[in-house]
Amino acid sequence: MLIVSKKNKNIPIIDCWYAQHALGMDGVIRYQEAEKPIGAQPQRFDTLLSDLTEDEETILSHYTKNCRYEVRRAPKEGVSCSMKCGKEITEQDILVFTDFFEQFWASKGISYHEKEKCRAMMRQYAGAGAMALTMAFIGDKLLVYHTYILDEKRVRLYQSASQFRTDESITTKVIGFANRYLHYEDMLFFKRIGKEQYDWGGAGRTEDVESITKFKESFGGTPCVFYNGTQVRGAMPRLYHAVTGLIGRLTDGRG
């Protein structure tokens, strides 16, 4: 289980990942991928888990034939990978990643409005030793980024972005090889540092994410169900939560 907390107007805002039971502390507690429903209106969350306790060849054997081919092809195309965890992630790393992530969404015709929020979250989690940032390159050209949230034994894919939509100097096929290879190298890296499960960060079935889920399934993970929910404990946290909820409804026109 991972607990990362901060204070907003002196109110504890607590992110709790992979909880087995409710926490006995006051604050606004956001349960992420809890093992059972906790809090108000918990939402089912489907994902895939890959076993990192297996040896490298067994991990690779779970991949589809095409996935294995692309993983093996990537280094032949000159792809290399780099990983950073926790306090190894610098402020410059965070700024470069969030600019890259913004460009990734722009290449899909979507405006990204969460850059400052993302930077704050990355600083918080990296400072707590609970974030990893991994990259795939050809030469000095950055092709793919992945970010992860880490607890004692598990890693959770959080964000993934590539630049194939805006860079014409490298083919989309090679970028695809690099993305798969980075996932494989990430799994081996996390295995080496003692992690036991690789959480693919969601396996939705709606039309907008169906192709992403099929991509993740090609690595052979096991389907698993968790729950997301929020619990508010204590008088001041309840007041804070009520006020911020009201402001949110007014801001988006639902008040």
Foldseek 3Di string as FASTA:
>chain_A
DDWFWDDDVNFIEIEAEQAADDDPDFHKYKYHFHADDDAPPKDKFKWFKQFLVDDLVVLLVLFAPVLNVLLVCQVVVQKDKDKDWAPSQDLVNLVVVLVQVQVQCVLVVDGDDCSVVSSVVCVRQSPVRFKMKMFMDRPPHTFKIWMWGDDPAEIETDDIGGDQSPDPPDHPSSSVSRVSNRVSVVSNVSSVVHHTMYIDHGQDDDPVCPVVNVVVCSSNTDMDMGIIYIHHDDDVNVVVVVVVVVVVCVVVVND
